[in-house]
Amino acid sequence: MSENQNTNQLNIELPEDVADGIYSNLAIISHSNAEFVVDFIRMMPNVPKAKVKTRIILTPQHAKRLLKALNENIKKYETQFGVIDDNDHGFMPGMNFNTPPAQA
């Protein structure tokens, strides 16, 4: 391996607690002139309050790179598995998961 190739490598560590991931079924995106803020939220059935599970803050340049990477990956996914059905037409997802209300 040449010296140039060695300096362009990035060693990324994935800690075990982060590797498990965090489930989110809603994201809210806001921005200022200096940053984009993405709040990942988990809504639960029959629970009127949802919690932000994690917040990611990006520079505008990184937000645009993320958008490009997501678009590329969605195209690859749809080529392999078929078109993703996006039938919500931009509306906020409902809180009702068609399950009976929780009881204690």
C-alpha atoms as a PDB file:
ATOM      1  CA  MET A   1       0.000   0.000   0.000  1.00  0.00           C
ATOM      2  CA  SER A   2       1.407   3.403  -0.906  1.00  0.00           C
ATOM      3  CA  GLU A   3       1.909   6.207   1.607  1.00  0.00           C
ATOM      4  CA  ASN A   4      -0.838   8.285  -0.088  1.00  0.00           C
ATOM      5  CA  GLN A   5      -3.426   5.516   0.319  1.00  0.00           C
ATOM      6  CA  ASN A   6      -2.487   5.154   3.983  1.00  0.00           C
ATOM      7  CA  THR A   7      -3.173   8.831   4.778  1.00  0.00           C
ATOM      8  CA  ASN A   8      -6.620   8.733   3.117  1.00  0.00           C
ATOM      9  CA  GLN A   9      -7.928   5.922   5.337  1.00  0.00           C
ATOM     10  CA  LEU A  10     -10.242   6.573   8.247  1.00  0.00           C
ATOM     11  CA  ASN A  11     -10.543   4.099  11.077  1.00  0.00           C
ATOM     12  CA  ILE A  12     -14.107   4.218  12.443  1.00  0.00           C
ATOM     13  CA  GLU A  13     -15.005   2.620  15.770  1.00  0.00           C
ATOM     14  CA  LEU A  14     -18.583   1.483  16.411  1.00  0.00           C
ATOM     15  CA  PRO A  15     -19.173   1.081  20.164  1.00  0.00           C
ATOM     16  CA  GLU A  16     -21.472  -1.771  21.167  1.00  0.00           C
ATOM     17  CA  ASP A  17     -24.136   0.504  22.697  1.00  0.00           C
ATOM     18  CA  VAL A  18     -24.314   2.560  19.493  1.00  0.00           C
ATOM     19  CA  ALA A  19     -24.294  -0.521  17.236  1.00  0.00           C
ATOM     20  CA  ASP A  20     -27.679  -1.567  18.628  1.00  0.00           C
ATOM     21  CA  GLY A  21     -29.220   1.505  17.011  1.00  0.00           C
ATOM     22  CA  ILE A  22     -32.255   3.522  18.026  1.00  0.00           C
ATOM     23  CA  TYR A  23     -35.642   2.974  16.388  1.00  0.00           C
ATOM     24  CA  SER A  24     -37.374   6.080  15.066  1.00  0.00           C
ATOM     25  CA  ASN A  25     -40.617   6.384  13.101  1.00  0.00           C
ATOM     26  CA  LEU A  26     -40.640  10.178  12.772  1.00  0.00           C
ATOM     27  CA  ALA A  27     -37.991  12.790  12.045  1.00  0.00           C
ATOM     28  CA  ILE A  28     -38.411  16.538  12.395  1.00  0.00           C
ATOM     29  CA  ILE A  29     -35.906  18.734  10.590  1.00  0.00           C
ATOM     30  CA  SER A  30     -35.224  22.396  11.328  1.00  0.00           C
ATOM     31  CA  HIS A  31     -32.420  24.708  10.288  1.00  0.00           C
ATOM     32  CA  SER A  32     -30.695  28.014  10.832  1.00  0.00           C
ATOM     33  CA  ASN A  33     -28.205  29.732   8.553  1.00  0.00           C
ATOM     34  CA  ALA A  34     -25.397  27.697  10.151  1.00  0.00           C
ATOM     35  CA  GLU A  35     -26.834  24.241  10.866  1.00  0.00           C
ATOM     36  CA  PHE A  36     -29.503  21.619  10.262  1.00  0.00           C
ATOM     37  CA  VAL A  37     -31.030  19.883  13.273  1.00  0.00           C
ATOM     38  CA  VAL A  38     -32.642  16.472  12.817  1.00  0.00           C
ATOM     39  CA  ASP A  39     -34.669  15.152  15.750  1.00  0.00           C
ATOM     40  CA  PHE A  40     -35.441  11.440  15.565  1.00  0.00           C
ATOM     41  CA  ILE A  41     -38.634  10.584  17.434  1.00  0.00           C
ATOM     42  CA  ARG A  42     -40.312   7.353  18.465  1.00  0.00           C
ATOM     43  CA  MET A  43     -44.109   7.415  18.547  1.00  0.00           C
ATOM     44  CA  MET A  44     -45.810   4.573  20.375  1.00  0.00           C
ATOM     45  CA  PRO A  45     -49.356   3.256  19.927  1.00  0.00           C
ATOM     46  CA  ASN A  46     -52.017   4.961  22.045  1.00  0.00           C
ATOM     47  CA  VAL A  47     -49.444   7.178  23.771  1.00  0.00           C
ATOM     48  CA  PRO A  48     -50.200  10.871  23.178  1.00  0.00           C
ATOM     49  CA  LYS A  49     -46.643  11.969  23.998  1.00  0.00           C
ATOM     50  CA  ALA A  50     -43.645  11.128  21.820  1.00  0.00           C
ATOM     51  CA  LYS A  51     -39.998  11.407  22.835  1.00  0.00           C
ATOM     52  CA  VAL A  52     -37.036  12.671  20.861  1.00  0.00           C
ATOM     53  CA  LYS A  53     -34.669   9.703  21.016  1.00  0.00           C
ATOM     54  CA  THR A  54     -31.669  11.428  19.471  1.00  0.00           C
ATOM     55  CA  ARG A  55     -30.734  14.737  17.861  1.00  0.00           C
ATOM     56  CA  ILE A  56     -28.193  15.096  15.068  1.00  0.00           C
ATOM     57  CA  ILE A  57     -26.759  18.532  14.231  1.00  0.00           C
ATOM     58  CA  LEU A  58     -25.166  18.980  10.795  1.00  0.00           C
ATOM     59  CA  THR A  59     -23.533  21.771   8.853  1.00  0.00           C
ATOM     60  CA  PRO A  60     -25.447  22.708   5.680  1.00  0.00           C
ATOM     61  CA  GLN A  61     -22.712  21.028   3.621  1.00  0.00           C
ATOM     62  CA  HIS A  62     -22.996  17.777   5.556  1.00  0.00           C
ATOM     63  CA  ALA A  63     -26.807  17.909   5.374  1.00  0.00           C
ATOM     64  CA  LYS A  64     -26.573  18.144   1.581  1.00  0.00           C
ATOM     65  CA  ARG A  65     -24.085  15.247   1.476  1.00  0.00           C
ATOM     66  CA  LEU A  66     -26.450  13.197   3.654  1.00  0.00           C
ATOM     67  CA  LEU A  67     -29.351  13.962   1.299  1.00  0.00           C
ATOM     68  CA  LYS A  68     -27.266  12.839  -1.675  1.00  0.00           C
ATOM     69  CA  ALA A  69     -26.158   9.647   0.100  1.00  0.00           C
ATOM     70  CA  LEU A  70     -29.748   8.828   1.128  1.00  0.00           C
ATOM     71  CA  ASN A  71     -30.975   9.367  -2.447  1.00  0.00           C
ATOM     72  CA  GLU A  72     -28.269   7.068  -3.808  1.00  0.00           C
ATOM     73  CA  ASN A  73     -29.048   4.382  -1.223  1.00  0.00           C
ATOM     74  CA  ILE A  74     -32.804   4.590  -1.806  1.00  0.00           C
ATOM     75  CA  LYS A  75     -32.224   4.085  -5.537  1.00  0.00           C
ATOM     76  CA  LYS A  76     -30.058   1.030  -4.818  1.00  0.00           C
ATOM     77  CA  TYR A  77     -32.646  -0.319  -2.346  1.00  0.00           C
ATOM     78  CA  GLU A  78     -35.519   0.110  -4.815  1.00  0.00           C
ATOM     79  CA  THR A  79     -33.498  -1.557  -7.570  1.00  0.00           C
ATOM     80  CA  GLN A  80     -32.973  -4.566  -5.323  1.00  0.00           C
ATOM     81  CA  PHE A  81     -36.280  -4.740  -3.405  1.00  0.00           C
ATOM     82  CA  GLY A  82     -38.820  -2.685  -5.375  1.00  0.00           C
ATOM     83  CA  VAL A  83     -40.300   0.774  -5.018  1.00  0.00           C
ATOM     84  CA  ILE A  84     -40.853   2.021  -1.476  1.00  0.00           C
ATOM     85  CA  ASP A  85     -44.529   2.860  -1.002  1.00  0.00           C
ATOM     86  CA  ASP A  86     -44.684   6.449   0.237  1.00  0.00           C
ATOM     87  CA  ASN A  87     -48.430   6.865   0.586  1.00  0.00           C
ATOM     88  CA  ASP A  88     -48.522   9.461   3.371  1.00  0.00           C
ATOM     89  CA  HIS A  89     -48.504  12.387   0.887  1.00  0.00           C
ATOM     90  CA  GLY A  90     -46.463  14.531   3.259  1.00  0.00           C
ATOM     91  CA  PHE A  91     -48.882  14.328   6.184  1.00  0.00           C
ATOM     92  CA  MET A  92     -47.865  13.718   9.765  1.00  0.00           C
ATOM     93  CA  PRO A  93     -48.299  10.022  10.624  1.00  0.00           C
ATOM     94  CA  GLY A  94     -51.268   9.212  12.815  1.00  0.00           C
ATOM     95  CA  MET A  95     -50.846   8.123  16.386  1.00  0.00           C
ATOM     96  CA  ASN A  96     -53.314   5.239  16.018  1.00  0.00           C
ATOM     97  CA  PHE A  97     -51.610   1.961  15.189  1.00  0.00           C
ATOM     98  CA  ASN A  98     -54.995   0.159  15.058  1.00  0.00           C
ATOM     99  CA  THR A  99     -54.435  -1.449  18.419  1.00  0.00           C
ATOM    100  CA  PRO A 100     -56.720  -1.334  21.449  1.00  0.00           C
ATOM    101  CA  PRO A 101     -55.959   1.333  24.084  1.00  0.00           C
ATOM    102  CA  ALA A 102     -53.419   0.312  26.699  1.00  0.00           C
ATOM    103  CA  GLN A 103     -54.776  -0.663  30.089  1.00  0.00           C
ATOM    104  CA  ALA A 104     -53.000  -1.046  33.391  1.00  0.00           C
END
